[in-house]
Amino acid sequence: MRADKERIKRLRLAIRQAKLDAIILRLPENIVMSFGTWPMVGFSYAVFTAKDGPAAVVAAEG
């Protein structure tokens, strides 16, 4: 599964409508649904901002 551009667009719209600057996803299933990849380490976070541009995944090394 790859990141769905339409899903990301809707996610960013929801962030703006909630008057937030960003959201942080912590649950692996939320990261999978947003990025289309399963975090392989036990500690992963995804950060989405309301502005267009790349999102980030923060993961522990190793």
N, C-alpha and C. Protein backbone atom coordinates (compact mmCIF):
# COMPACT_ATOMS: atom_id res chain seq x y z
N MET A 1 0.85 -1.18 0.00
CA MET A 1 0.00 0.00 0.00
C MET A 1 0.89 1.24 0.00
N ARG A 2 0.62 2.17 -0.87
CA ARG A 2 1.39 3.41 -0.93
C ARG A 2 0.55 4.55 -0.37
N ALA A 3 1.22 5.62 0.00
CA ALA A 3 0.50 6.78 0.53
C ALA A 3 -0.51 7.26 -0.51
N ASP A 4 -1.71 7.44 -0.10
CA ASP A 4 -2.80 7.86 -0.97
C ASP A 4 -2.87 9.39 -0.96
N LYS A 5 -2.57 10.00 -2.10
CA LYS A 5 -2.52 11.47 -2.17
C LYS A 5 -3.86 12.10 -1.78
N GLU A 6 -4.96 11.49 -2.17
CA GLU A 6 -6.27 12.03 -1.82
C GLU A 6 -6.52 11.93 -0.31
N ARG A 7 -6.10 10.83 0.29
CA ARG A 7 -6.25 10.67 1.74
C ARG A 7 -5.44 11.72 2.48
N ILE A 8 -4.21 11.96 2.03
CA ILE A 8 -3.36 12.97 2.66
C ILE A 8 -3.98 14.36 2.49
N LYS A 9 -4.54 14.62 1.33
CA LYS A 9 -5.20 15.91 1.09
C LYS A 9 -6.36 16.11 2.07
N ARG A 10 -7.17 15.05 2.27
CA ARG A 10 -8.30 15.13 3.22
C ARG A 10 -7.81 15.29 4.65
N LEU A 11 -6.71 14.63 4.98
CA LEU A 11 -6.15 14.73 6.32
C LEU A 11 -5.68 16.16 6.59
N ARG A 12 -5.01 16.76 5.63
CA ARG A 12 -4.54 18.14 5.80
C ARG A 12 -5.72 19.12 5.88
N LEU A 13 -6.77 18.87 5.12
CA LEU A 13 -7.96 19.71 5.20
C LEU A 13 -8.58 19.62 6.59
N ALA A 14 -8.66 18.43 7.14
CA ALA A 14 -9.22 18.24 8.49
C ALA A 14 -8.36 18.95 9.54
N ILE A 15 -7.04 18.92 9.36
CA ILE A 15 -6.15 19.63 10.29
C ILE A 15 -6.44 21.13 10.26
N ARG A 16 -6.58 21.68 9.05
CA ARG A 16 -6.86 23.12 8.91
C ARG A 16 -8.23 23.46 9.48
N GLN A 17 -9.23 22.63 9.22
CA GLN A 17 -10.58 22.90 9.72
C GLN A 17 -10.63 22.86 11.25
N ALA A 18 -9.79 22.05 11.85
CA ALA A 18 -9.73 21.98 13.31
C ALA A 18 -8.86 23.10 13.89
N LYS A 19 -8.32 23.95 13.01
CA LYS A 19 -7.47 25.07 13.40
C LYS A 19 -6.22 24.60 14.14
N LEU A 20 -5.65 23.51 13.64
CA LEU A 20 -4.40 22.98 14.19
C LEU A 20 -3.26 23.26 13.23
N ASP A 21 -2.06 23.31 13.74
CA ASP A 21 -0.88 23.48 12.90
C ASP A 21 -0.37 22.14 12.38
N ALA A 22 -0.54 21.09 13.19
CA ALA A 22 -0.04 19.77 12.83
C ALA A 22 -0.70 18.71 13.70
N ILE A 23 -0.54 17.45 13.30
CA ILE A 23 -0.95 16.33 14.14
C ILE A 23 0.21 15.34 14.18
N ILE A 24 0.23 14.55 15.23
CA ILE A 24 1.23 13.50 15.37
C ILE A 24 0.50 12.17 15.46
N LEU A 25 0.87 11.25 14.59
CA LEU A 25 0.28 9.91 14.60
C LEU A 25 1.26 8.99 15.31
N ARG A 26 0.73 8.18 16.24
CA ARG A 26 1.59 7.29 16.99
C ARG A 26 1.28 5.81 16.75
N LEU A 27 0.01 5.49 16.54
CA LEU A 27 -0.38 4.11 16.36
C LEU A 27 0.09 3.59 15.00
N PRO A 28 0.68 2.40 14.97
CA PRO A 28 1.19 1.85 13.70
C PRO A 28 0.13 1.80 12.61
N GLU A 29 -1.11 1.44 12.96
CA GLU A 29 -2.15 1.35 11.93
C GLU A 29 -2.47 2.72 11.31
N ASN A 30 -2.31 3.80 12.07
CA ASN A 30 -2.52 5.14 11.52
C ASN A 30 -1.39 5.52 10.57
N ILE A 31 -0.18 5.11 10.91
CA ILE A 31 0.96 5.37 10.03
C ILE A 31 0.80 4.59 8.73
N VAL A 32 0.36 3.34 8.83
CA VAL A 32 0.13 2.52 7.64
C VAL A 32 -0.90 3.18 6.74
N MET A 33 -2.01 3.62 7.31
CA MET A 33 -3.08 4.22 6.52
C MET A 33 -2.65 5.55 5.89
N SER A 34 -1.74 6.25 6.51
CA SER A 34 -1.32 7.55 6.00
C SER A 34 -0.15 7.46 5.02
N PHE A 35 0.81 6.59 5.31
CA PHE A 35 2.03 6.51 4.52
C PHE A 35 2.11 5.29 3.63
N GLY A 36 1.31 4.28 3.93
CA GLY A 36 1.37 3.07 3.14
C GLY A 36 2.55 2.18 3.48
N THR A 37 3.14 2.38 4.64
CA THR A 37 4.27 1.56 5.07
C THR A 37 4.12 1.24 6.54
N TRP A 38 4.51 0.03 6.92
CA TRP A 38 4.42 -0.40 8.31
C TRP A 38 5.70 -0.03 9.03
N PRO A 39 5.62 0.68 10.16
CA PRO A 39 6.84 1.02 10.90
C PRO A 39 7.45 -0.25 11.48
N MET A 40 8.69 -0.53 11.15
CA MET A 40 9.32 -1.80 11.52
C MET A 40 9.94 -1.79 12.91
N VAL A 41 10.00 -0.66 13.54
CA VAL A 41 10.54 -0.59 14.89
C VAL A 41 9.40 -0.28 15.86
N GLY A 42 9.61 -0.55 17.11
CA GLY A 42 8.55 -0.36 18.08
C GLY A 42 8.21 1.09 18.38
N PHE A 43 9.01 2.01 17.95
CA PHE A 43 8.85 3.42 18.27
C PHE A 43 8.82 4.21 16.97
N SER A 44 7.65 4.64 16.54
CA SER A 44 7.55 5.44 15.33
C SER A 44 6.45 6.48 15.50
N TYR A 45 6.67 7.64 14.95
CA TYR A 45 5.68 8.71 14.94
C TYR A 45 5.63 9.29 13.54
N ALA A 46 4.47 9.76 13.13
CA ALA A 46 4.34 10.47 11.86
C ALA A 46 3.83 11.87 12.17
N VAL A 47 4.38 12.85 11.49
CA VAL A 47 3.99 14.24 11.70
C VAL A 47 3.42 14.78 10.39
N PHE A 48 2.19 15.27 10.46
CA PHE A 48 1.54 15.93 9.31
C PHE A 48 1.28 17.37 9.69
N THR A 49 1.64 18.29 8.80
CA THR A 49 1.32 19.69 9.03
C THR A 49 0.15 20.09 8.16
N ALA A 50 -0.45 21.21 8.49
CA ALA A 50 -1.58 21.71 7.71
C ALA A 50 -1.12 22.22 6.35
N LYS A 51 0.13 22.61 6.24
CA LYS A 51 0.66 23.13 4.98
C LYS A 51 1.06 21.99 4.06
N ASP A 52 0.99 22.25 2.76
CA ASP A 52 1.42 21.26 1.79
C ASP A 52 2.93 21.08 1.87
N GLY A 53 3.37 19.92 1.53
CA GLY A 53 4.78 19.58 1.59
C GLY A 53 4.92 18.19 2.16
N PRO A 54 6.15 17.74 2.30
CA PRO A 54 6.36 16.37 2.76
C PRO A 54 5.99 16.20 4.23
N ALA A 55 5.45 15.05 4.55
CA ALA A 55 5.21 14.66 5.94
C ALA A 55 6.46 13.93 6.42
N ALA A 56 6.57 13.72 7.71
CA ALA A 56 7.76 13.08 8.24
C ALA A 56 7.39 11.89 9.11
N VAL A 57 8.23 10.87 9.05
CA VAL A 57 8.12 9.74 9.96
C VAL A 57 9.36 9.75 10.83
N VAL A 58 9.18 9.70 12.14
CA VAL A 58 10.29 9.66 13.09
C VAL A 58 10.34 8.24 13.63
N ALA A 59 11.48 7.57 13.46
CA ALA A 59 11.62 6.20 13.90
C ALA A 59 12.96 6.01 14.60
N ALA A 60 12.97 5.10 15.56
CA ALA A 60 14.21 4.78 16.26
C ALA A 60 15.14 4.04 15.32
N GLU A 61 16.42 4.24 15.50
CA GLU A 61 17.40 3.56 14.67
C GLU A 61 17.65 2.16 15.22
N GLY A 62 17.87 1.22 14.32
CA GLY A 62 18.25 -0.12 14.75
C GLY A 62 17.11 -1.02 14.77
